[in-house]
C-alpha atoms as a PDB file:
ATOM      1  CA  MET A   1    -346.718  47.390  29.866  1.00  0.00           C
ATOM      2  CA  ARG A   2    -348.717  49.346  32.404  1.00  0.00           C
ATOM      3  CA  LEU A   3    -352.487  49.145  32.026  1.00  0.00           C
ATOM      4  CA  PHE A   4    -354.884  51.906  33.041  1.00  0.00           C
ATOM      5  CA  HIS A   5    -358.589  52.652  32.818  1.00  0.00           C
ATOM      6  CA  LEU A   6    -359.752  56.082  31.745  1.00  0.00           C
ATOM      7  CA  SER A   7    -362.945  56.079  33.807  1.00  0.00           C
ATOM      8  CA  PHE A   8    -361.031  57.315  36.858  1.00  0.00           C
ATOM      9  CA  SER A   9    -360.684  60.830  35.428  1.00  0.00           C
ATOM     10  CA  ASN A  10    -361.121  62.807  38.652  1.00  0.00           C
ATOM     11  CA  MET A  11    -359.419  60.520  41.117  1.00  0.00           C
ATOM     12  CA  PRO A  12    -356.070  61.377  42.750  1.00  0.00           C
ATOM     13  CA  ARG A  13    -352.960  59.606  41.482  1.00  0.00           C
ATOM     14  CA  LYS A  14    -352.747  57.083  44.301  1.00  0.00           C
ATOM     15  CA  ILE A  15    -356.384  56.032  44.077  1.00  0.00           C
ATOM     16  CA  ILE A  16    -356.102  55.550  40.320  1.00  0.00           C
ATOM     17  CA  TRP A  17    -353.004  53.394  40.665  1.00  0.00           C
ATOM     18  CA  MET A  18    -354.474  51.343  43.532  1.00  0.00           C
ATOM     19  CA  ALA A  19    -357.621  50.597  41.552  1.00  0.00           C
ATOM     20  CA  VAL A  20    -355.683  49.637  38.448  1.00  0.00           C
ATOM     21  CA  LEU A  21    -353.159  47.427  40.187  1.00  0.00           C
ATOM     22  CA  ALA A  22    -355.440  45.776  42.727  1.00  0.00           C
ATOM     23  CA  CYS A  23    -356.268  42.876  40.454  1.00  0.00           C
ATOM     24  CA  ALA A  24    -352.845  42.625  38.883  1.00  0.00           C
ATOM     25  CA  LEU A  25    -350.713  42.462  41.989  1.00  0.00           C
ATOM     26  CA  CYS A  26    -350.839  40.013  44.833  1.00  0.00           C
ATOM     27  CA  GLY A  27    -349.273  40.715  48.204  1.00  0.00           C
ATOM     28  CA  ARG A  28    -348.506  44.096  49.731  1.00  0.00           C
ATOM     29  CA  ALA A  29    -344.942  44.783  48.630  1.00  0.00           C
ATOM     30  CA  GLU A  30    -344.220  48.478  49.043  1.00  0.00           C
ATOM     31  CA  ALA A  31    -341.540  50.640  47.533  1.00  0.00           C
ATOM     32  CA  GLN A  32    -340.254  54.163  47.565  1.00  0.00           C
ATOM     33  CA  GLU A  33    -341.577  56.774  45.174  1.00  0.00           C
ATOM     34  CA  LEU A  34    -338.659  57.118  42.766  1.00  0.00           C
ATOM     35  CA  GLN A  35    -337.096  54.690  40.335  1.00  0.00           C
ATOM     36  CA  ALA A  36    -334.057  56.876  39.817  1.00  0.00           C
ATOM     37  CA  LYS A  37    -330.821  56.341  37.971  1.00  0.00           C
ATOM     38  CA  VAL A  38    -327.963  58.714  38.757  1.00  0.00           C
ATOM     39  CA  SER A  39    -324.910  58.840  36.508  1.00  0.00           C
ATOM     40  CA  VAL A  40    -321.832  60.828  37.544  1.00  0.00           C
ATOM     41  CA  ILE A  41    -319.655  61.849  34.604  1.00  0.00           C
ATOM     42  CA  ALA A  42    -316.278  63.448  35.220  1.00  0.00           C
ATOM     43  CA  GLN A  43    -314.471  63.226  31.904  1.00  0.00           C
ATOM     44  CA  ARG A  44    -313.431  66.863  32.059  1.00  0.00           C
ATOM     45  CA  VAL A  45    -311.747  66.487  35.432  1.00  0.00           C
ATOM     46  CA  THR A  46    -308.049  66.213  34.607  1.00  0.00           C
ATOM     47  CA  SER A  47    -306.582  66.465  38.095  1.00  0.00           C
ATOM     48  CA  ASN A  48    -305.061  63.614  40.071  1.00  0.00           C
ATOM     49  CA  THR A  49    -308.411  62.846  41.684  1.00  0.00           C
ATOM     50  CA  ASP A  50    -308.949  59.120  42.223  1.00  0.00           C
ATOM     51  CA  ARG A  51    -311.692  58.161  39.751  1.00  0.00           C
ATOM     52  CA  LYS A  52    -313.239  55.802  42.292  1.00  0.00           C
ATOM     53  CA  VAL A  53    -314.579  58.804  44.173  1.00  0.00           C
ATOM     54  CA  PHE A  54    -317.080  59.430  41.392  1.00  0.00           C
ATOM     55  CA  LEU A  55    -318.373  55.858  41.479  1.00  0.00           C
ATOM     56  CA  THR A  56    -318.811  56.097  45.232  1.00  0.00           C
ATOM     57  CA  LEU A  57    -320.661  59.393  44.888  1.00  0.00           C
ATOM     58  CA  GLN A  58    -322.871  57.903  42.176  1.00  0.00           C
ATOM     59  CA  GLN A  59    -323.806  54.975  44.397  1.00  0.00           C
ATOM     60  CA  GLN A  60    -324.575  57.230  47.361  1.00  0.00           C
ATOM     61  CA  LEU A  61    -326.808  59.495  45.275  1.00  0.00           C
ATOM     62  CA  ASN A  62    -328.691  56.505  43.891  1.00  0.00           C
ATOM     63  CA  ASN A  63    -329.201  55.258  47.436  1.00  0.00           C
ATOM     64  CA  LEU A  64    -330.430  58.655  48.614  1.00  0.00           C
ATOM     65  CA  LEU A  65    -333.066  58.930  45.899  1.00  0.00           C
ATOM     66  CA  ASN A  66    -334.228  55.317  45.757  1.00  0.00           C
ATOM     67  CA  ASN A  67    -334.129  54.304  49.419  1.00  0.00           C
ATOM     68  CA  ARG A  68    -335.602  57.376  51.090  1.00  0.00           C
ATOM     69  CA  ARG A  69    -339.342  57.902  51.513  1.00  0.00           C
ATOM     70  CA  TRP A  70    -340.302  61.261  49.996  1.00  0.00           C
ATOM     71  CA  THR A  71    -344.042  61.088  50.720  1.00  0.00           C
ATOM     72  CA  ALA A  72    -346.407  59.497  53.204  1.00  0.00           C
ATOM     73  CA  ASP A  73    -347.932  57.348  50.448  1.00  0.00           C
ATOM     74  CA  ASN A  74    -347.152  53.684  49.921  1.00  0.00           C
ATOM     75  CA  PHE A  75    -346.069  53.058  46.334  1.00  0.00           C
ATOM     76  CA  GLN A  76    -346.209  49.678  44.677  1.00  0.00           C
ATOM     77  CA  PRO A  77    -343.053  48.835  42.693  1.00  0.00           C
ATOM     78  CA  ALA A  78    -344.874  49.383  39.378  1.00  0.00           C
ATOM     79  CA  GLU A  79    -345.950  52.861  40.486  1.00  0.00           C
ATOM     80  CA  ARG A  80    -342.486  54.299  40.998  1.00  0.00           C
ATOM     81  CA  ILE A  81    -341.647  57.447  39.067  1.00  0.00           C
ATOM     82  CA  ASN A  82    -338.999  56.844  36.404  1.00  0.00           C
ATOM     83  CA  CYS A  83    -336.327  59.522  36.457  1.00  0.00           C
ATOM     84  CA  SER A  84    -332.686  59.953  35.543  1.00  0.00           C
ATOM     85  CA  PHE A  85    -330.010  62.369  36.672  1.00  0.00           C
ATOM     86  CA  ILE A  86    -326.747  63.057  34.880  1.00  0.00           C
ATOM     87  CA  LEU A  87    -324.284  64.892  37.108  1.00  0.00           C
ATOM     88  CA  ASN A  88    -321.610  66.209  34.783  1.00  0.00           C
ATOM     89  CA  ILE A  89    -318.638  67.376  36.850  1.00  0.00           C
ATOM     90  CA  GLU A  90    -316.623  69.901  34.894  1.00  0.00           C
ATOM     91  CA  SER A  91    -313.983  71.054  37.370  1.00  0.00           C
ATOM     92  CA  THR A  92    -312.543  70.521  40.838  1.00  0.00           C
ATOM     93  CA  ASP A  93    -309.919  72.023  43.122  1.00  0.00           C
ATOM     94  CA  ASP A  94    -307.624  70.990  45.948  1.00  0.00           C
ATOM     95  CA  ALA A  95    -310.345  71.604  48.530  1.00  0.00           C
ATOM     96  CA  ASN A  96    -312.530  68.791  47.094  1.00  0.00           C
ATOM     97  CA  MET A  97    -314.975  71.309  45.636  1.00  0.00           C
ATOM     98  CA  TYR A  98    -316.701  70.165  42.469  1.00  0.00           C
ATOM     99  CA  ARG A  99    -318.589  72.213  39.895  1.00  0.00           C
ATOM    100  CA  GLY A 100    -320.734  71.173  36.970  1.00  0.00           C
ATOM    101  CA  THR A 101    -324.245  70.707  35.654  1.00  0.00           C
ATOM    102  CA  LEU A 102    -327.153  68.433  36.445  1.00  0.00           C
ATOM    103  CA  THR A 103    -329.547  67.087  33.810  1.00  0.00           C
ATOM    104  CA  VAL A 104    -332.891  65.935  35.204  1.00  0.00           C
ATOM    105  CA  GLN A 105    -335.268  63.834  33.105  1.00  0.00           C
ATOM    106  CA  VAL A 106    -338.562  62.374  34.273  1.00  0.00           C
ATOM    107  CA  ALA A 107    -341.047  60.151  32.433  1.00  0.00           C
ATOM    108  CA  ARG A 108    -344.740  59.674  33.148  1.00  0.00           C
ATOM    109  CA  PRO A 109    -346.688  56.632  31.907  1.00  0.00           C
ATOM    110  CA  VAL A 110    -349.615  57.200  29.566  1.00  0.00           C
ATOM    111  CA  TYR A 111    -352.719  55.152  30.327  1.00  0.00           C
ATOM    112  CA  ASN A 112    -353.401  52.000  28.331  1.00  0.00           C
ATOM    113  CA  SER A 113    -349.996  52.108  26.669  1.00  0.00           C
ATOM    114  CA  SER A 114    -346.324  51.456  27.256  1.00  0.00           C
ATOM    115  CA  TYR A 115    -345.498  55.023  26.225  1.00  0.00           C
ATOM    116  CA  GLN A 116    -343.587  57.183  28.694  1.00  0.00           C
ATOM    117  CA  ALA A 117    -344.319  60.896  28.247  1.00  0.00           C
ATOM    118  CA  ALA A 118    -341.735  63.526  29.105  1.00  0.00           C
ATOM    119  CA  LEU A 119    -342.578  65.244  32.384  1.00  0.00           C
ATOM    120  CA  VAL A 120    -339.246  66.962  33.096  1.00  0.00           C
ATOM    121  CA  ASN A 121    -336.265  67.619  30.840  1.00  0.00           C
ATOM    122  CA  PHE A 122    -334.162  70.260  32.541  1.00  0.00           C
ATOM    123  CA  VAL A 123    -330.499  71.220  32.846  1.00  0.00           C
ATOM    124  CA  ASP A 124    -329.382  72.943  36.042  1.00  0.00           C
ATOM    125  CA  PRO A 125    -326.093  74.772  35.331  1.00  0.00           C
ATOM    126  CA  ASP A 126    -325.419  75.887  38.927  1.00  0.00           C
ATOM    127  CA  ILE A 127    -324.051  72.781  40.621  1.00  0.00           C
ATOM    128  CA  SER A 128    -321.269  73.088  43.191  1.00  0.00           C
ATOM    129  CA  PHE A 129    -320.498  71.015  46.263  1.00  0.00           C
ATOM    130  CA  LYS A 130    -317.733  69.613  48.432  1.00  0.00           C
ATOM    131  CA  TYR A 131    -317.267  65.867  48.545  1.00  0.00           C
ATOM    132  CA  GLN A 132    -314.720  63.410  49.910  1.00  0.00           C
ATOM    133  CA  GLU A 133    -315.005  59.710  49.187  1.00  0.00           C
ATOM    134  CA  PHE A 134    -317.244  57.860  51.657  1.00  0.00           C
ATOM    135  CA  GLN A 135    -318.520  61.152  53.054  1.00  0.00           C
ATOM    136  CA  PRO A 136    -322.195  60.440  53.936  1.00  0.00           C
ATOM    137  CA  VAL A 137    -324.686  61.935  51.481  1.00  0.00           C
ATOM    138  CA  GLU A 138    -327.734  62.252  53.695  1.00  0.00           C
ATOM    139  CA  PHE A 139    -330.624  64.691  53.751  1.00  0.00           C
ATOM    140  CA  ASN A 140    -332.097  66.036  56.981  1.00  0.00           C
ATOM    141  CA  GLU A 141    -335.067  68.364  56.542  1.00  0.00           C
ATOM    142  CA  ASN A 142    -334.382  69.889  59.936  1.00  0.00           C
ATOM    143  CA  ARG A 143    -330.685  70.558  59.231  1.00  0.00           C
ATOM    144  CA  ILE A 144    -330.480  71.242  55.535  1.00  0.00           C
ATOM    145  CA  GLN A 145    -327.247  73.223  55.861  1.00  0.00           C
ATOM    146  CA  GLY A 146    -325.630  70.563  58.023  1.00  0.00           C
ATOM    147  CA  THR A 147    -322.313  71.317  59.704  1.00  0.00           C
ATOM    148  CA  ASP A 148    -320.650  72.208  56.401  1.00  0.00           C
ATOM    149  CA  ALA A 149    -322.880  73.992  53.890  1.00  0.00           C
ATOM    150  CA  THR A 150    -320.708  73.186  50.889  1.00  0.00           C
ATOM    151  CA  ALA A 151    -320.767  69.474  51.751  1.00  0.00           C
ATOM    152  CA  ALA A 152    -324.504  69.521  52.475  1.00  0.00           C
ATOM    153  CA  ASN A 153    -325.321  71.169  49.167  1.00  0.00           C
ATOM    154  CA  ILE A 154    -325.213  67.959  47.101  1.00  0.00           C
ATOM    155  CA  ALA A 155    -327.887  66.276  49.248  1.00  0.00           C
ATOM    156  CA  ALA A 156    -329.997  69.441  49.253  1.00  0.00           C
ATOM    157  CA  LEU A 157    -329.836  69.615  45.460  1.00  0.00           C
ATOM    158  CA  PHE A 158    -331.043  66.069  44.922  1.00  0.00           C
ATOM    159  CA  ALA A 159    -333.692  66.314  47.654  1.00  0.00           C
ATOM    160  CA  TYR A 160    -335.038  69.472  46.040  1.00  0.00           C
ATOM    161  CA  TYR A 161    -335.422  67.745  42.681  1.00  0.00           C
ATOM    162  CA  ALA A 162    -336.935  64.659  44.318  1.00  0.00           C
ATOM    163  CA  TYR A 163    -339.703  66.768  45.829  1.00  0.00           C
ATOM    164  CA  MET A 164    -340.225  68.749  42.623  1.00  0.00           C
ATOM    165  CA  ILE A 165    -340.485  65.518  40.622  1.00  0.00           C
ATOM    166  CA  VAL A 166    -343.039  64.032  42.996  1.00  0.00           C
ATOM    167  CA  ALA A 167    -345.007  67.295  43.000  1.00  0.00           C
ATOM    168  CA  LEU A 168    -345.128  67.573  39.209  1.00  0.00           C
ATOM    169  CA  ASP A 169    -346.075  63.911  38.861  1.00  0.00           C
ATOM    170  CA  TYR A 170    -348.928  64.345  41.354  1.00  0.00           C
ATOM    171  CA  ASP A 171    -350.071  67.521  39.581  1.00  0.00           C
ATOM    172  CA  SER A 172    -350.371  65.538  36.356  1.00  0.00           C
ATOM    173  CA  PHE A 173    -352.766  63.054  37.977  1.00  0.00           C
ATOM    174  CA  SER A 174    -355.016  65.325  40.042  1.00  0.00           C
ATOM    175  CA  PRO A 175    -355.683  69.091  40.170  1.00  0.00           C
ATOM    176  CA  LYS A 176    -353.017  70.719  42.370  1.00  0.00           C
ATOM    177  CA  GLY A 177    -352.149  67.258  43.633  1.00  0.00           C
ATOM    178  CA  GLY A 178    -348.495  68.160  44.181  1.00  0.00           C
ATOM    179  CA  GLU A 179    -348.961  71.233  46.358  1.00  0.00           C
ATOM    180  CA  ALA A 180    -347.617  69.661  49.573  1.00  0.00           C
ATOM    181  CA  TYR A 181    -344.403  68.600  47.822  1.00  0.00           C
ATOM    182  CA  PHE A 182    -343.844  71.959  46.147  1.00  0.00           C
ATOM    183  CA  ARG A 183    -343.902  73.276  49.715  1.00  0.00           C
ATOM    184  CA  LYS A 184    -341.326  70.686  50.740  1.00  0.00           C
ATOM    185  CA  ALA A 185    -339.071  71.937  47.951  1.00  0.00           C
ATOM    186  CA  GLN A 186    -339.727  75.506  49.065  1.00  0.00           C
ATOM    187  CA  ASN A 187    -338.516  74.599  52.547  1.00  0.00           C
ATOM    188  CA  ILE A 188    -335.207  73.476  51.053  1.00  0.00           C
ATOM    189  CA  ILE A 189    -334.884  76.771  49.197  1.00  0.00           C
ATOM    190  CA  THR A 190    -335.661  78.786  52.319  1.00  0.00           C
ATOM    191  CA  ASN A 191    -333.031  76.916  54.315  1.00  0.00           C
ATOM    192  CA  ALA A 192    -330.625  76.147  51.473  1.00  0.00           C
ATOM    193  CA  PRO A 193    -326.880  75.873  52.109  1.00  0.00           C
ATOM    194  CA  GLU A 194    -324.967  79.115  51.723  1.00  0.00           C
ATOM    195  CA  GLY A 195    -321.286  79.273  50.959  1.00  0.00           C
ATOM    196  CA  LYS A 196    -318.628  80.282  48.507  1.00  0.00           C
ATOM    197  CA  GLY A 197    -319.534  79.230  44.990  1.00  0.00           C
ATOM    198  CA  ILE A 198    -323.034  77.988  45.889  1.00  0.00           C
ATOM    199  CA  SER A 199    -325.729  79.440  43.637  1.00  0.00           C
ATOM    200  CA  GLY A 200    -329.139  78.714  42.171  1.00  0.00           C
ATOM    201  CA  TRP A 201    -331.090  78.913  45.420  1.00  0.00           C
ATOM    202  CA  ARG A 202    -331.687  82.653  45.618  1.00  0.00           C
ATOM    203  CA  VAL A 203    -333.843  85.208  43.874  1.00  0.00           C
ATOM    204  CA  PHE A 204    -330.761  87.150  42.731  1.00  0.00           C
ATOM    205  CA  ASP A 205    -328.926  84.098  41.320  1.00  0.00           C
ATOM    206  CA  GLY A 206    -330.578  84.483  37.919  1.00  0.00           C
ATOM    207  CA  LEU A 207    -333.961  84.204  36.194  1.00  0.00           C
ATOM    208  CA  ARG A 208    -333.915  80.475  35.393  1.00  0.00           C
ATOM    209  CA  ASN A 209    -332.875  78.678  38.560  1.00  0.00           C
ATOM    210  CA  ARG A 210    -334.222  76.456  41.331  1.00  0.00           C
ATOM    211  CA  TYR A 211    -335.667  79.403  43.221  1.00  0.00           C
ATOM    212  CA  TRP A 212    -337.749  80.616  40.287  1.00  0.00           C
ATOM    213  CA  LEU A 213    -338.896  77.160  39.223  1.00  0.00           C
ATOM    214  CA  ASN A 214    -340.370  76.533  42.639  1.00  0.00           C
ATOM    215  CA  GLU A 215    -341.677  80.082  42.963  1.00  0.00           C
ATOM    216  CA  ASN A 216    -343.622  79.708  39.722  1.00  0.00           C
ATOM    217  CA  MET A 217    -345.298  76.582  41.107  1.00  0.00           C
ATOM    218  CA  ILE A 218    -346.294  77.969  44.530  1.00  0.00           C
ATOM    219  CA  ASN A 219    -347.225  81.535  43.572  1.00  0.00           C
ATOM    220  CA  THR A 220    -351.027  81.661  43.745  1.00  0.00           C
ATOM    221  CA  ARG A 221    -351.011  84.193  40.924  1.00  0.00           C
ATOM    222  CA  TYR A 222    -349.856  81.377  38.663  1.00  0.00           C
ATOM    223  CA  ASN A 223    -352.429  78.765  39.678  1.00  0.00           C
ATOM    224  CA  LEU A 224    -353.338  78.231  36.033  1.00  0.00           C
ATOM    225  CA  ILE A 225    -350.096  76.330  35.507  1.00  0.00           C
ATOM    226  CA  HIS A 226    -351.396  73.501  37.708  1.00  0.00           C
ATOM    227  CA  ASP A 227    -354.507  73.253  35.524  1.00  0.00           C
ATOM    228  CA  ILE A 228    -352.264  73.153  32.459  1.00  0.00           C
ATOM    229  CA  TYR A 229    -350.305  70.178  33.775  1.00  0.00           C
ATOM    230  CA  TYR A 230    -353.481  68.313  34.665  1.00  0.00           C
ATOM    231  CA  THR A 231    -355.191  69.095  31.367  1.00  0.00           C
ATOM    232  CA  TYR A 232    -352.200  68.160  29.213  1.00  0.00           C
ATOM    233  CA  TYR A 233    -351.564  64.786  30.863  1.00  0.00           C
ATOM    234  CA  ARG A 234    -354.830  63.632  32.418  1.00  0.00           C
ATOM    235  CA  ASN A 235    -357.346  65.136  29.986  1.00  0.00           C
ATOM    236  CA  GLY A 236    -354.978  64.871  27.040  1.00  0.00           C
ATOM    237  CA  LEU A 237    -352.391  62.111  26.825  1.00  0.00           C
ATOM    238  CA  ASP A 238    -354.236  59.661  29.076  1.00  0.00           C
ATOM    239  CA  LYS A 239    -357.182  59.601  26.647  1.00  0.00           C
ATOM    240  CA  LEU A 240    -355.211  58.904  23.488  1.00  0.00           C
ATOM    241  CA  TYR A 241    -355.881  55.154  23.560  1.00  0.00           C
ATOM    242  CA  ASP A 242    -359.650  55.170  23.061  1.00  0.00           C
ATOM    243  CA  LYS A 243    -360.686  58.835  22.846  1.00  0.00           C
ATOM    244  CA  GLU A 244    -358.130  60.210  20.436  1.00  0.00           C
ATOM    245  CA  ALA A 245    -360.099  63.238  19.262  1.00  0.00           C
ATOM    246  CA  GLU A 246    -360.933  64.206  22.836  1.00  0.00           C
ATOM    247  CA  ALA A 247    -357.299  63.715  23.846  1.00  0.00           C
ATOM    248  CA  ARG A 248    -356.049  65.948  21.036  1.00  0.00           C
ATOM    249  CA  ALA A 249    -358.527  68.627  22.060  1.00  0.00           C
ATOM    250  CA  GLY A 250    -357.303  68.379  25.657  1.00  0.00           C
ATOM    251  CA  VAL A 251    -353.673  68.815  24.639  1.00  0.00           C
ATOM    252  CA  LEU A 252    -354.556  71.790  22.443  1.00  0.00           C
ATOM    253  CA  GLN A 253    -356.522  73.304  25.309  1.00  0.00           C
ATOM    254  CA  ALA A 254    -353.517  72.968  27.629  1.00  0.00           C
ATOM    255  CA  LEU A 255    -351.174  74.550  25.083  1.00  0.00           C
ATOM    256  CA  THR A 256    -353.616  77.397  24.470  1.00  0.00           C
ATOM    257  CA  GLN A 257    -353.837  77.985  28.222  1.00  0.00           C
ATOM    258  CA  LEU A 258    -350.054  78.007  28.410  1.00  0.00           C
ATOM    259  CA  GLN A 259    -349.887  80.560  25.610  1.00  0.00           C
ATOM    260  CA  ALA A 260    -352.323  82.820  27.474  1.00  0.00           C
ATOM    261  CA  PHE A 261    -350.338  82.348  30.670  1.00  0.00           C
ATOM    262  CA  THR A 262    -347.068  83.413  29.056  1.00  0.00           C
ATOM    263  CA  LYS A 263    -348.661  86.512  27.542  1.00  0.00           C
ATOM    264  CA  GLU A 264    -349.763  87.637  30.991  1.00  0.00           C
ATOM    265  CA  ASN A 265    -346.578  86.488  32.765  1.00  0.00           C
ATOM    266  CA  ALA A 266    -343.796  87.061  30.266  1.00  0.00           C
ATOM    267  CA  ASN A 267    -340.884  86.773  32.708  1.00  0.00           C
ATOM    268  CA  THR A 268    -341.695  83.379  34.183  1.00  0.00           C
ATOM    269  CA  MET A 269    -339.602  80.307  33.404  1.00  0.00           C
ATOM    270  CA  ILE A 270    -342.351  77.712  33.614  1.00  0.00           C
ATOM    271  CA  ALA A 271    -343.433  77.763  29.945  1.00  0.00           C
ATOM    272  CA  GLU A 272    -339.922  76.974  28.742  1.00  0.00           C
ATOM    273  CA  PHE A 273    -339.595  74.344  31.465  1.00  0.00           C
ATOM    274  CA  PHE A 274    -342.909  72.745  30.484  1.00  0.00           C
ATOM    275  CA  MET A 275    -342.093  72.573  26.781  1.00  0.00           C
ATOM    276  CA  GLN A 276    -338.628  71.014  27.097  1.00  0.00           C
ATOM    277  CA  GLY A 277    -338.489  67.581  25.448  1.00  0.00           C
ATOM    278  CA  LYS A 278    -342.032  67.649  24.059  1.00  0.00           C
ATOM    279  CA  TYR A 279    -341.412  68.393  20.362  1.00  0.00           C
ATOM    280  CA  GLN A 280    -341.686  64.834  19.006  1.00  0.00           C
ATOM    281  CA  GLU A 281    -344.562  64.031  21.340  1.00  0.00           C
ATOM    282  CA  ILE A 282    -346.643  67.011  20.252  1.00  0.00           C
ATOM    283  CA  VAL A 283    -345.975  66.431  16.563  1.00  0.00           C
ATOM    284  CA  GLY A 284    -347.118  62.834  16.971  1.00  0.00           C
ATOM    285  CA  ILE A 285    -350.333  63.951  18.659  1.00  0.00           C
ATOM    286  CA  PHE A 286    -351.339  66.427  15.961  1.00  0.00           C
ATOM    287  CA  LYS A 287    -350.188  64.473  12.894  1.00  0.00           C
ATOM    288  CA  LYS A 288    -353.669  62.940  12.616  1.00  0.00           C
ATOM    289  CA  GLY A 289    -355.497  66.090  13.628  1.00  0.00           C
ATOM    290  CA  THR A 290    -357.795  68.133  11.452  1.00  0.00           C
ATOM    291  CA  ALA A 291    -356.410  70.926   9.293  1.00  0.00           C
ATOM    292  CA  GLU A 292    -357.933  73.404  11.713  1.00  0.00           C
ATOM    293  CA  GLN A 293    -356.294  71.731  14.726  1.00  0.00           C
ATOM    294  CA  LYS A 294    -352.924  71.603  12.990  1.00  0.00           C
ATOM    295  CA  ALA A 295    -353.099  75.265  12.047  1.00  0.00           C
ATOM    296  CA  ARG A 296    -354.060  76.246  15.565  1.00  0.00           C
ATOM    297  CA  ALA A 297    -351.322  74.063  17.052  1.00  0.00           C
ATOM    298  CA  VAL A 298    -348.674  75.595  14.774  1.00  0.00           C
ATOM    299  CA  GLU A 299    -349.841  79.087  15.757  1.00  0.00           C
ATOM    300  CA  VAL A 300    -349.695  78.355  19.485  1.00  0.00           C
ATOM    301  CA  LEU A 301    -346.450  76.394  19.364  1.00  0.00           C
ATOM    302  CA  GLY A 302    -344.790  79.157  17.372  1.00  0.00           C
ATOM    303  CA  THR A 303    -344.952  81.317  20.499  1.00  0.00           C
ATOM    304  CA  LEU A 304    -344.311  78.581  23.081  1.00  0.00           C
ATOM    305  CA  ASP A 305    -341.434  76.712  21.437  1.00  0.00           C
ATOM    306  CA  ILE A 306    -339.732  79.294  19.243  1.00  0.00           C
ATOM    307  CA  VAL A 307    -336.656  77.131  18.646  1.00  0.00           C
ATOM    308  CA  ASN A 308    -338.793  74.497  16.952  1.00  0.00           C
ATOM    309  CA  ALA A 309    -341.384  76.814  15.364  1.00  0.00           C
ATOM    310  CA  SER A 310    -340.278  76.145  11.780  1.00  0.00           C
ATOM    311  CA  ARG A 311    -340.181  72.398  12.421  1.00  0.00           C
ATOM    312  CA  TYR A 312    -343.789  72.402  13.616  1.00  0.00           C
ATOM    313  CA  LYS A 313    -344.779  74.204  10.398  1.00  0.00           C
ATOM    314  CA  GLN A 314    -342.930  71.602   8.349  1.00  0.00           C
ATOM    315  CA  GLU A 315    -344.294  68.576  10.193  1.00  0.00           C
ATOM    316  CA  LEU A 316    -347.894  69.712  10.613  1.00  0.00           C
ATOM    317  CA  ARG A 317    -348.585  71.301   7.248  1.00  0.00           C
END
C-alpha cells in the first residue's frame, strides 16, 4: 500500500512523493520513471515468421521503457508510474513490416489507499513498423527518423507514449505540471518517421490520433483541460480517504468543467480520451452522494460518456 498525506495539496508531484517517502525509505536507491509491462501478441499472424521474433521485440520494448530516463527527476522505486502496453500485431509481409494496434493503460495511485485510478485507457489503431529480430530498438531525440524511418517508427511510438504518460501523470499532481513533457512528445510528432504505411503522426491522418491528442494538450486555447486533470485527481480522488464530501464535489467540478469544455470545443478528442475507463470509478464515487449530486452527475455524464449514459441513470438513481 502506498501512503500519502493530503496536506500537500499545492505541491508538485515530486515534492509530495519525497515528503511522503522520506520516513519510509532508507538509502537513496533511484529508478526510472516508468514501471511498464509490454506484451506483444501476434496470434493473427499466420505467416512463416519465427515466433521468437515477437518475444525478442517484447523484451526490447520493455527495456526501452523501463531502463531509459524520460525526465531529469530522480524517482524512487515506489514512485514509478504503472503502465501497460499491449501491441497486437495483426498482419505482416515479406519485407518485415508489421501492422496492428497498441493499447495503452496507465494507473495513478490515490492517496491514503491502495487504489489505482485509471489515468489512460487508449487504443491506437495506427501502428506500423519494420522489425527484424535483434534489430536495436533505441530512441534518439536528435535522430527520431533514424536511417530507416519504418524501422525507427516503433521506438518513436513508444517514446511518444512514454512522454505523454509522464506529462499526464505530472498534470494530475500539480497545475500544468506536465507541460515540458507534452513538448517532448510534440518534438517527436514534428520529427516523426515518414514512410509507406506510417500514419497517426499528422494532422491529416484522422481526428483521433497521436497528433491531435498532443495538440489538445499543448494548445493554449485548451488550457482548461490541465485544470480538469488536476481537479479530478488532486482535488477529487486524493481526498476520498478523509474528506469524502469534498472529494466528490471536486470530481463533480472537474466533470462539469469538462462538459463546458466540450460544448465550446466540440471537435476535440480529449473528452473521450479522458473518460475512457472511468465508468466504474465514477459510479463508485457518486453512489454515496446526495440525490442532488447524483442527478447532476447523471446529467453531466450523459453528455460526456454517451455510451454509458443509461448505465449511469440505472446505477445512480
